[in-house]
């Protein structure tokens, strides 16, 4: 899908299990994304 491809940060948040190494990072970004969807 072109959606997640354009937004790799969203893909990481959508599939945190896809990258165990970035699991913690995704979790942190997930909380930030919920508060600020425009934040990197």
N, C-alpha and C. Protein backbone atom coordinates (compact mmCIF):
# COMPACT_ATOMS: atom_id res chain seq x y z
N UNK A 1 0.83 -1.22 0.00
CA UNK A 1 0.00 0.00 0.00
C UNK A 1 0.86 1.26 0.00
N UNK A 2 0.49 2.26 -0.79
CA UNK A 2 1.26 3.50 -0.90
C UNK A 2 1.17 4.35 0.35
N UNK A 3 0.13 4.16 1.12
CA UNK A 3 -0.04 4.96 2.34
C UNK A 3 1.11 4.78 3.31
N UNK A 4 1.28 3.56 3.86
CA UNK A 4 2.34 3.31 4.83
C UNK A 4 3.72 3.51 4.24
N UNK A 5 3.86 3.27 2.93
CA UNK A 5 5.16 3.41 2.28
C UNK A 5 5.62 4.87 2.34
N UNK A 6 4.68 5.78 2.14
CA UNK A 6 5.01 7.20 2.17
C UNK A 6 5.31 7.65 3.60
N UNK A 7 4.67 6.98 4.55
CA UNK A 7 4.88 7.34 5.96
C UNK A 7 5.50 6.17 6.71
N UNK A 8 6.84 6.05 6.65
CA UNK A 8 7.52 4.93 7.31
C UNK A 8 7.32 4.94 8.81
N UNK A 9 7.18 6.15 9.39
CA UNK A 9 6.98 6.24 10.84
C UNK A 9 5.62 5.64 11.20
N UNK A 10 4.64 5.86 10.35
CA UNK A 10 3.30 5.32 10.62
C UNK A 10 3.33 3.79 10.49
N UNK A 11 4.09 3.32 9.50
CA UNK A 11 4.19 1.88 9.27
C UNK A 11 4.82 1.22 10.49
N UNK A 12 5.85 1.85 11.03
CA UNK A 12 6.53 1.30 12.21
C UNK A 12 5.58 1.24 13.39
N UNK A 13 4.72 2.25 13.50
CA UNK A 13 3.77 2.30 14.60
C UNK A 13 2.66 1.28 14.36
N UNK A 14 2.26 1.14 13.10
CA UNK A 14 1.20 0.20 12.75
C UNK A 14 1.70 -1.24 12.93
N UNK A 15 2.97 -1.47 12.60
CA UNK A 15 3.55 -2.81 12.72
C UNK A 15 4.77 -2.79 13.64
N UNK A 16 4.54 -2.59 14.93
CA UNK A 16 5.65 -2.55 15.89
C UNK A 16 6.34 -3.90 16.01
N UNK A 17 5.59 -4.97 15.75
CA UNK A 17 6.16 -6.31 15.84
C UNK A 17 7.03 -6.62 14.63
N UNK A 18 6.85 -5.83 13.57
CA UNK A 18 7.63 -6.05 12.36
C UNK A 18 9.11 -5.78 12.63
N UNK A 19 9.38 -4.83 13.52
CA UNK A 19 10.77 -4.50 13.85
C UNK A 19 10.94 -4.54 15.36
N UNK A 20 11.43 -5.67 15.85
CA UNK A 20 11.62 -5.83 17.29
C UNK A 20 12.64 -4.82 17.80
N UNK A 21 13.63 -4.51 16.97
CA UNK A 21 14.67 -3.58 17.36
C UNK A 21 14.11 -2.19 17.63
N UNK A 22 13.09 -1.82 16.86
CA UNK A 22 12.49 -0.50 17.03
C UNK A 22 11.18 -0.57 17.80
N UNK A 23 10.97 -1.69 18.47
CA UNK A 23 9.71 -1.86 19.21
C UNK A 23 9.55 -0.75 20.24
N UNK A 24 10.60 -0.52 21.02
CA UNK A 24 10.54 0.52 22.05
C UNK A 24 10.34 1.88 21.40
N UNK A 25 11.07 2.10 20.29
CA UNK A 25 10.96 3.38 19.59
C UNK A 25 9.55 3.57 19.05
N UNK A 26 9.00 2.50 18.49
CA UNK A 26 7.64 2.57 17.95
C UNK A 26 6.64 2.90 19.05
N UNK A 27 6.84 2.26 20.19
CA UNK A 27 5.93 2.49 21.31
C UNK A 27 5.94 3.97 21.71
N UNK A 28 7.14 4.52 21.77
CA UNK A 28 7.28 5.94 22.16
C UNK A 28 6.64 6.82 21.10
N UNK A 29 6.93 6.51 19.83
CA UNK A 29 6.37 7.30 18.74
C UNK A 29 4.86 7.16 18.70
N UNK A 30 4.38 5.98 19.07
CA UNK A 30 2.93 5.74 19.05
C UNK A 30 2.22 6.72 19.97
N UNK A 31 2.76 6.89 21.17
CA UNK A 31 2.15 7.82 22.13
C UNK A 31 2.21 9.24 21.61
N UNK A 32 3.35 9.58 21.00
CA UNK A 32 3.53 10.94 20.46
C UNK A 32 2.59 11.15 19.27
N UNK A 33 2.50 10.12 18.45
CA UNK A 33 1.66 10.21 17.24
C UNK A 33 0.20 10.46 17.62
N UNK A 34 -0.22 9.82 18.71
CA UNK A 34 -1.62 10.00 19.14
C UNK A 34 -1.86 11.44 19.58
N UNK A 35 -0.84 12.03 20.18
CA UNK A 35 -0.98 13.41 20.63
C UNK A 35 -0.70 14.38 19.48
N UNK A 36 0.30 14.02 18.67
CA UNK A 36 0.67 14.88 17.55
C UNK A 36 0.87 14.03 16.30
N UNK A 37 -0.17 13.84 15.51
CA UNK A 37 -0.08 13.04 14.28
C UNK A 37 0.85 13.67 13.25
N UNK A 38 1.14 14.96 13.43
CA UNK A 38 2.00 15.66 12.46
C UNK A 38 3.45 15.65 12.93
N UNK A 39 3.68 15.19 14.16
CA UNK A 39 5.05 15.15 14.69
C UNK A 39 5.83 14.03 14.04
N UNK A 40 7.13 14.26 13.83
CA UNK A 40 7.91 13.22 13.19
C UNK A 40 8.13 12.07 14.15
